């Protein structure tokens, strides 16, 4: 078992949260993940790099007809 001690002086000098300090200690340079992000923000971030020509080919009724596109069920009448 590894014991890591953080003195009050070290914590104050770094002015980091415990999570950020542990990430720094582990050598991770990426920012901490915010567990309270809205799902729409995550989706927008993940879709940001999708080329426009791919976005243009996506179905316009993907939300209302998701069962058709995911499971192959017949489309619902709108």
PDB file of N, CA and C in Angstrom:
ATOM      1  N   UNK A   1       0.843  -1.164   0.000  1.00  0.00           N
ATOM      2  CA  UNK A   1       0.000   0.000   0.000  1.00  0.00           C
ATOM      3  C   UNK A   1       0.899   1.241   0.000  1.00  0.00           C
ATOM      4  N   UNK A   2       0.529   2.216  -0.813  1.00  0.00           N
ATOM      5  CA  UNK A   2       1.277   3.462  -0.884  1.00  0.00           C
ATOM      6  C   UNK A   2       0.539   4.534  -0.099  1.00  0.00           C
ATOM      7  N   UNK A   3       1.261   5.211   0.766  1.00  0.00           N
ATOM      8  CA  UNK A   3       0.676   6.298   1.551  1.00  0.00           C
ATOM      9  C   UNK A   3       1.196   7.609   0.986  1.00  0.00           C
ATOM     10  N   UNK A   4       0.272   8.490   0.656  1.00  0.00           N
ATOM     11  CA  UNK A   4       0.631   9.813   0.141  1.00  0.00           C
ATOM     12  C   UNK A   4       0.187  10.835   1.167  1.00  0.00           C
ATOM     13  N   UNK A   5       1.126  11.624   1.619  1.00  0.00           N
ATOM     14  CA  UNK A   5       0.803  12.644   2.607  1.00  0.00           C
ATOM     15  C   UNK A   5       0.881  14.017   1.964  1.00  0.00           C
ATOM     16  N   UNK A   6      -0.096  14.834   2.250  1.00  0.00           N
ATOM     17  CA  UNK A   6      -0.149  16.205   1.751  1.00  0.00           C
ATOM     18  C   UNK A   6      -0.278  17.113   2.961  1.00  0.00           C
ATOM     19  N   UNK A   7       0.732  17.906   3.187  1.00  0.00           N
ATOM     20  CA  UNK A   7       0.674  18.815   4.325  1.00  0.00           C
ATOM     21  C   UNK A   7      -0.203  20.012   3.981  1.00  0.00           C
ATOM     22  N   UNK A   8      -0.658  20.705   4.994  1.00  0.00           N
ATOM     23  CA  UNK A   8      -1.461  21.905   4.767  1.00  0.00           C
ATOM     24  C   UNK A   8      -0.668  22.941   3.969  1.00  0.00           C
ATOM     25  N   UNK A   9       0.633  23.003   4.214  1.00  0.00           N
ATOM     26  CA  UNK A   9       1.477  23.963   3.499  1.00  0.00           C
ATOM     27  C   UNK A   9       1.555  23.631   2.007  1.00  0.00           C
ATOM     28  N   UNK A  10       1.685  22.350   1.705  1.00  0.00           N
ATOM     29  CA  UNK A  10       1.730  21.940   0.300  1.00  0.00           C
ATOM     30  C   UNK A  10       0.400  22.260  -0.381  1.00  0.00           C
ATOM     31  N   UNK A  11      -0.681  21.961   0.276  1.00  0.00           N
ATOM     32  CA  UNK A  11      -2.007  22.212  -0.299  1.00  0.00           C
ATOM     33  C   UNK A  11      -2.209  23.701  -0.536  1.00  0.00           C
ATOM     34  N   UNK A  12      -1.801  24.514   0.422  1.00  0.00           N
ATOM     35  CA  UNK A  12      -1.967  25.966   0.293  1.00  0.00           C
ATOM     36  C   UNK A  12      -1.066  26.508  -0.815  1.00  0.00           C
ATOM     37  N   UNK A  13       0.158  26.001  -0.907  1.00  0.00           N
ATOM     38  CA  UNK A  13       1.094  26.479  -1.926  1.00  0.00           C
ATOM     39  C   UNK A  13       0.608  26.132  -3.323  1.00  0.00           C
ATOM     40  N   UNK A  14       0.012  24.977  -3.474  1.00  0.00           N
ATOM     41  CA  UNK A  14      -0.472  24.538  -4.781  1.00  0.00           C
ATOM     42  C   UNK A  14      -1.814  25.177  -5.121  1.00  0.00           C
ATOM     43  N   UNK A  15      -2.606  25.495  -4.130  1.00  0.00           N
ATOM     44  CA  UNK A  15      -3.969  26.009  -4.275  1.00  0.00           C
ATOM     45  C   UNK A  15      -4.776  25.194  -5.281  1.00  0.00           C
ATOM     46  N   UNK A  16      -4.727  23.880  -5.120  1.00  0.00           N
ATOM     47  CA  UNK A  16      -5.468  22.958  -5.970  1.00  0.00           C
ATOM     48  C   UNK A  16      -6.471  22.184  -5.126  1.00  0.00           C
ATOM     49  N   UNK A  17      -7.528  21.721  -5.781  1.00  0.00           N
ATOM     50  CA  UNK A  17      -8.450  20.829  -5.087  1.00  0.00           C
ATOM     51  C   UNK A  17      -7.730  19.493  -4.909  1.00  0.00           C
ATOM     52  N   UNK A  18      -8.262  18.659  -4.042  1.00  0.00           N
ATOM     53  CA  UNK A  18      -7.651  17.349  -3.819  1.00  0.00           C
ATOM     54  C   UNK A  18      -7.611  16.561  -5.121  1.00  0.00           C
ATOM     55  N   UNK A  19      -8.725  16.589  -5.872  1.00  0.00           N
ATOM     56  CA  UNK A  19      -8.783  15.862  -7.145  1.00  0.00           C
ATOM     57  C   UNK A  19      -7.729  16.380  -8.124  1.00  0.00           C
ATOM     58  N   UNK A  20      -7.610  17.693  -8.245  1.00  0.00           N
ATOM     59  CA  UNK A  20      -6.625  18.275  -9.160  1.00  0.00           C
ATOM     60  C   UNK A  20      -5.206  17.958  -8.704  1.00  0.00           C
ATOM     61  N   UNK A  21      -4.974  17.968  -7.377  1.00  0.00           N
ATOM     62  CA  UNK A  21      -3.648  17.660  -6.859  1.00  0.00           C
ATOM     63  C   UNK A  21      -3.273  16.213  -7.160  1.00  0.00           C
ATOM     64  N   UNK A  22      -4.240  15.289  -6.984  1.00  0.00           N
ATOM     65  CA  UNK A  22      -3.980  13.878  -7.278  1.00  0.00           C
ATOM     66  C   UNK A  22      -3.713  13.662  -8.765  1.00  0.00           C
ATOM     67  N   UNK A  23      -4.438  14.380  -9.623  1.00  0.00           N
ATOM     68  CA  UNK A  23      -4.186  14.267 -11.057  1.00  0.00           C
ATOM     69  C   UNK A  23      -2.794  14.776 -11.393  1.00  0.00           C
ATOM     70  N   UNK A  24      -2.404  15.866 -10.776  1.00  0.00           N
ATOM     71  CA  UNK A  24      -1.061  16.407 -10.992  1.00  0.00           C
ATOM     72  C   UNK A  24      -0.021  15.403 -10.508  1.00  0.00           C
ATOM     73  N   UNK A  25      -0.257  14.816  -9.348  1.00  0.00           N
ATOM     74  CA  UNK A  25       0.648  13.829  -8.790  1.00  0.00           C
ATOM     75  C   UNK A  25       0.759  12.611  -9.715  1.00  0.00           C
ATOM     76  N   UNK A  26      -0.346  12.232 -10.325  1.00  0.00           N
ATOM     77  CA  UNK A  26      -0.358  11.085 -11.233  1.00  0.00           C
ATOM     78  C   UNK A  26       0.216  11.435 -12.603  1.00  0.00           C
ATOM     79  N   UNK A  27       0.509  12.718 -12.833  1.00  0.00           N
ATOM     80  CA  UNK A  27       1.092  13.121 -14.103  1.00  0.00           C
ATOM     81  C   UNK A  27       0.072  13.382 -15.188  1.00  0.00           C
ATOM     82  N   UNK A  28      -1.170  13.545 -14.815  1.00  0.00           N
ATOM     83  CA  UNK A  28      -2.209  13.825 -15.788  1.00  0.00           C
ATOM     84  C   UNK A  28      -2.307  15.325 -15.997  1.00  0.00           C
ATOM     85  N   UNK A  29      -2.167  15.752 -17.237  1.00  0.00           N
ATOM     86  CA  UNK A  29      -2.212  17.178 -17.542  1.00  0.00           C
ATOM     87  C   UNK A  29      -3.586  17.658 -17.963  1.00  0.00           C
ATOM     88  N   UNK A  30      -4.506  16.732 -18.176  1.00  0.00           N
ATOM     89  CA  UNK A  30      -5.828  17.162 -18.632  1.00  0.00           C
ATOM     90  C   UNK A  30      -6.635  17.696 -17.457  1.00  0.00           C
ATOM     91  N   UNK A  31      -7.590  18.583 -17.728  1.00  0.00           N
ATOM     92  CA  UNK A  31      -8.398  19.143 -16.636  1.00  0.00           C
ATOM     93  C   UNK A  31      -9.318  18.087 -16.034  1.00  0.00           C
ATOM     94  N   UNK A  32      -9.731  18.310 -14.824  1.00  0.00           N
ATOM     95  CA  UNK A  32     -10.641  17.388 -14.150  1.00  0.00           C
ATOM     96  C   UNK A  32     -11.980  17.369 -14.873  1.00  0.00           C
ATOM     97  N   UNK A  33     -12.605  16.205 -14.906  1.00  0.00           N
ATOM     98  CA  UNK A  33     -13.915  16.064 -15.537  1.00  0.00           C
ATOM     99  C   UNK A  33     -14.965  16.622 -14.592  1.00  0.00           C
ATOM    100  N   UNK A  34     -15.827  17.462 -15.126  1.00  0.00           N
ATOM    101  CA  UNK A  34     -16.896  18.042 -14.321  1.00  0.00           C
ATOM    102  C   UNK A  34     -18.067  17.065 -14.307  1.00  0.00           C
ATOM    103  N   UNK A  35     -18.389  16.453 -13.178  1.00  0.00           N
ATOM    104  CA  UNK A  35     -19.465  15.466 -13.152  1.00  0.00           C
ATOM    105  C   UNK A  35     -20.850  16.085 -13.294  1.00  0.00           C
ATOM    106  N   UNK A  36     -20.925  17.418 -13.294  1.00  0.00           N
ATOM    107  CA  UNK A  36     -22.223  18.084 -13.359  1.00  0.00           C
ATOM    108  C   UNK A  36     -22.472  18.736 -14.706  1.00  0.00           C
ATOM    109  N   UNK A  37     -21.771  18.265 -15.748  1.00  0.00           N
ATOM    110  CA  UNK A  37     -21.997  18.820 -17.083  1.00  0.00           C
ATOM    111  C   UNK A  37     -23.325  18.307 -17.627  1.00  0.00           C
ATOM    112  N   UNK A  38     -24.006  19.145 -18.359  1.00  0.00           N
ATOM    113  CA  UNK A  38     -25.264  18.754 -18.981  1.00  0.00           C
ATOM    114  C   UNK A  38     -24.958  17.847 -20.162  1.00  0.00           C
ATOM    115  N   UNK A  39     -25.787  16.845 -20.381  1.00  0.00           N
ATOM    116  CA  UNK A  39     -25.548  15.872 -21.446  1.00  0.00           C
ATOM    117  C   UNK A  39     -25.482  16.542 -22.815  1.00  0.00           C
ATOM    118  N   UNK A  40     -26.245  17.608 -23.013  1.00  0.00           N
ATOM    119  CA  UNK A  40     -26.206  18.288 -24.315  1.00  0.00           C
ATOM    120  C   UNK A  40     -24.831  18.910 -24.561  1.00  0.00           C
ATOM    121  N   UNK A  41     -24.167  19.376 -23.497  1.00  0.00           N
ATOM    122  CA  UNK A  41     -22.810  19.916 -23.646  1.00  0.00           C
ATOM    123  C   UNK A  41     -21.829  18.824 -24.049  1.00  0.00           C
ATOM    124  N   UNK A  42     -22.001  17.632 -23.485  1.00  0.00           N
ATOM    125  CA  UNK A  42     -21.129  16.502 -23.826  1.00  0.00           C
ATOM    126  C   UNK A  42     -21.342  16.112 -25.292  1.00  0.00           C
ATOM    127  N   UNK A  43     -22.600  16.057 -25.725  1.00  0.00           N
ATOM    128  CA  UNK A  43     -22.908  15.686 -27.103  1.00  0.00           C
ATOM    129  C   UNK A  43     -22.336  16.706 -28.074  1.00  0.00           C
ATOM    130  N   UNK A  44     -22.534  17.985 -27.807  1.00  0.00           N
ATOM    131  CA  UNK A  44     -21.998  19.036 -28.682  1.00  0.00           C
ATOM    132  C   UNK A  44     -20.480  18.933 -28.767  1.00  0.00           C
ATOM    133  N   UNK A  45     -19.835  18.711 -27.637  1.00  0.00           N
ATOM    134  CA  UNK A  45     -18.377  18.595 -27.623  1.00  0.00           C
ATOM    135  C   UNK A  45     -17.915  17.397 -28.458  1.00  0.00           C
ATOM    136  N   UNK A  46     -18.613  16.271 -28.328  1.00  0.00           N
ATOM    137  CA  UNK A  46     -18.233  15.073 -29.078  1.00  0.00           C
ATOM    138  C   UNK A  46     -18.542  15.179 -30.556  1.00  0.00           C
ATOM    139  N   UNK A  47     -19.531  15.969 -30.923  1.00  0.00           N
ATOM    140  CA  UNK A  47     -19.921  16.100 -32.329  1.00  0.00           C
ATOM    141  C   UNK A  47     -19.168  17.219 -33.043  1.00  0.00           C
ATOM    142  N   UNK A  48     -18.397  17.995 -32.318  1.00  0.00           N
ATOM    143  CA  UNK A  48     -17.704  19.165 -32.865  1.00  0.00           C
ATOM    144  C   UNK A  48     -16.778  18.812 -34.032  1.00  0.00           C
ATOM    145  N   UNK A  49     -16.153  17.635 -34.006  1.00  0.00           N
ATOM    146  CA  UNK A  49     -15.187  17.263 -35.029  1.00  0.00           C
ATOM    147  C   UNK A  49     -15.790  16.476 -36.199  1.00  0.00           C
ATOM    148  N   UNK A  50     -17.103  16.271 -36.183  1.00  0.00           N
ATOM    149  CA  UNK A  50     -17.740  15.547 -37.280  1.00  0.00           C
ATOM    150  C   UNK A  50     -17.789  16.463 -38.496  1.00  0.00           C
ATOM    151  N   UNK A  51     -17.263  15.997 -39.628  1.00  0.00           N
ATOM    152  CA  UNK A  51     -17.242  16.844 -40.833  1.00  0.00           C
ATOM    153  C   UNK A  51     -18.656  17.222 -41.294  1.00  0.00           C
ATOM    154  N   UNK A  52     -18.815  18.403 -41.905  1.00  0.00           N
ATOM    155  CA  UNK A  52     -20.134  18.860 -42.346  1.00  0.00           C
ATOM    156  C   UNK A  52     -20.810  17.910 -43.333  1.00  0.00           C
ATOM    157  N   UNK A  53     -20.020  17.261 -44.191  1.00  0.00           N
ATOM    158  CA  UNK A  53     -20.635  16.346 -45.174  1.00  0.00           C
ATOM    159  C   UNK A  53     -21.243  15.118 -44.486  1.00  0.00           C
ATOM    160  N   UNK A  54     -20.693  14.706 -43.366  1.00  0.00           N
ATOM    161  CA  UNK A  54     -21.277  13.606 -42.600  1.00  0.00           C
ATOM    162  C   UNK A  54     -22.535  14.087 -41.887  1.00  0.00           C
ATOM    163  N   UNK A  55     -22.481  15.269 -41.299  1.00  0.00           N
ATOM    164  CA  UNK A  55     -23.659  15.825 -40.624  1.00  0.00           C
ATOM    165  C   UNK A  55     -24.822  15.991 -41.596  1.00  0.00           C
ATOM    166  N   UNK A  56     -24.524  16.361 -42.842  1.00  0.00           N
ATOM    167  CA  UNK A  56     -25.566  16.563 -43.843  1.00  0.00           C
ATOM    168  C   UNK A  56     -26.282  15.255 -44.188  1.00  0.00           C
ATOM    169  N   UNK A  57     -25.595  14.126 -44.030  1.00  0.00           N
ATOM    170  CA  UNK A  57     -26.194  12.831 -44.353  1.00  0.00           C
ATOM    171  C   UNK A  57     -26.975  12.222 -43.196  1.00  0.00           C
ATOM    172  N   UNK A  58     -26.895  12.828 -42.019  1.00  0.00           N
ATOM    173  CA  UNK A  58     -27.613  12.275 -40.868  1.00  0.00           C
ATOM    174  C   UNK A  58     -29.111  12.510 -41.025  1.00  0.00           C
ATOM    175  N   UNK A  59     -29.925  11.544 -40.564  1.00  0.00           N
ATOM    176  CA  UNK A  59     -31.377  11.695 -40.721  1.00  0.00           C
ATOM    177  C   UNK A  59     -31.910  12.867 -39.910  1.00  0.00           C
ATOM    178  N   UNK A  60     -32.850  13.570 -40.495  1.00  0.00           N
ATOM    179  CA  UNK A  60     -33.462  14.722 -39.811  1.00  0.00           C
ATOM    180  C   UNK A  60     -34.484  14.275 -38.763  1.00  0.00           C
ATOM    181  N   UNK A  61     -34.978  13.034 -38.903  1.00  0.00           N
ATOM    182  CA  UNK A  61     -35.968  12.528 -37.950  1.00  0.00           C
ATOM    183  C   UNK A  61     -35.344  11.504 -36.994  1.00  0.00           C
ATOM    184  N   UNK A  62     -34.056  11.624 -36.752  1.00  0.00           N
ATOM    185  CA  UNK A  62     -33.341  10.660 -35.917  1.00  0.00           C
ATOM    186  C   UNK A  62     -33.858  10.565 -34.489  1.00  0.00           C
ATOM    187  N   UNK A  63     -34.319  11.666 -33.930  1.00  0.00           N
ATOM    188  CA  UNK A  63     -34.812  11.633 -32.555  1.00  0.00           C
ATOM    189  C   UNK A  63     -36.187  10.973 -32.487  1.00  0.00           C
ATOM    190  N   UNK A  64     -37.084  11.369 -33.357  1.00  0.00           N
ATOM    191  CA  UNK A  64     -38.439  10.826 -33.297  1.00  0.00           C
ATOM    192  C   UNK A  64     -38.519   9.401 -33.833  1.00  0.00           C
ATOM    193  N   UNK A  65     -37.587   9.006 -34.678  1.00  0.00           N
ATOM    194  CA  UNK A  65     -37.601   7.673 -35.276  1.00  0.00           C
ATOM    195  C   UNK A  65     -36.389   6.831 -34.833  1.00  0.00           C
ATOM    196  N   UNK A  66     -35.909   7.087 -33.618  1.00  0.00           N
ATOM    197  CA  UNK A  66     -34.692   6.398 -33.174  1.00  0.00           C
ATOM    198  C   UNK A  66     -34.814   4.878 -33.191  1.00  0.00           C
ATOM    199  N   UNK A  67     -35.992   4.327 -32.884  1.00  0.00           N
ATOM    200  CA  UNK A  67     -36.148   2.867 -32.910  1.00  0.00           C
ATOM    201  C   UNK A  67     -35.918   2.314 -34.322  1.00  0.00           C
ATOM    202  N   UNK A  68     -36.322   3.062 -35.320  1.00  0.00           N
ATOM    203  CA  UNK A  68     -36.106   2.640 -36.710  1.00  0.00           C
ATOM    204  C   UNK A  68     -34.606   2.591 -37.025  1.00  0.00           C
ATOM    205  N   UNK A  69     -33.874   3.641 -36.632  1.00  0.00           N
ATOM    206  CA  UNK A  69     -32.454   3.729 -36.968  1.00  0.00           C
ATOM    207  C   UNK A  69     -31.580   2.834 -36.089  1.00  0.00           C
ATOM    208  N   UNK A  70     -31.999   2.585 -34.848  1.00  0.00           N
ATOM    209  CA  UNK A  70     -31.193   1.746 -33.960  1.00  0.00           C
ATOM    210  C   UNK A  70     -31.526   0.265 -34.130  1.00  0.00           C
ATOM    211  N   UNK A  71     -32.823  -0.057 -34.137  1.00  0.00           N
ATOM    212  CA  UNK A  71     -33.241  -1.458 -34.133  1.00  0.00           C
ATOM    213  C   UNK A  71     -33.813  -1.944 -35.465  1.00  0.00           C
ATOM    214  N   UNK A  72     -34.033  -1.045 -36.409  1.00  0.00           N
ATOM    215  CA  UNK A  72     -34.587  -1.436 -37.699  1.00  0.00           C
ATOM    216  C   UNK A  72     -36.092  -1.620 -37.691  1.00  0.00           C
ATOM    217  N   UNK A  73     -36.771  -1.144 -36.638  1.00  0.00           N
ATOM    218  CA  UNK A  73     -38.220  -1.263 -36.579  1.00  0.00           C
ATOM    219  C   UNK A  73     -38.841  -0.347 -37.628  1.00  0.00           C
ATOM    220  N   UNK A  74     -40.081  -0.638 -38.019  1.00  0.00           N
ATOM    221  CA  UNK A  74     -40.743   0.249 -38.973  1.00  0.00           C
ATOM    222  C   UNK A  74     -40.863   1.672 -38.390  1.00  0.00           C
ATOM    223  N   UNK A  75     -40.837   2.654 -39.277  1.00  0.00           N
ATOM    224  CA  UNK A  75     -40.977   4.044 -38.816  1.00  0.00           C
ATOM    225  C   UNK A  75     -42.377   4.262 -38.267  1.00  0.00           C
ATOM    226  N   UNK A  76     -42.451   5.092 -37.238  1.00  0.00           N
ATOM    227  CA  UNK A  76     -43.744   5.459 -36.645  1.00  0.00           C
ATOM    228  C   UNK A  76     -44.385   6.515 -37.526  1.00  0.00           C
ATOM    229  N   UNK A  77     -45.703   6.476 -37.565  1.00  0.00           N
ATOM    230  CA  UNK A  77     -46.400   7.532 -38.311  1.00  0.00           C
ATOM    231  C   UNK A  77     -46.439   8.773 -37.443  1.00  0.00           C
ATOM    232  N   UNK A  78     -46.178   9.896 -38.051  1.00  0.00           N
ATOM    233  CA  UNK A  78     -46.146  11.149 -37.278  1.00  0.00           C
ATOM    234  C   UNK A  78     -47.441  11.901 -37.379  1.00  0.00           C
TER     235      UNK A  78
END
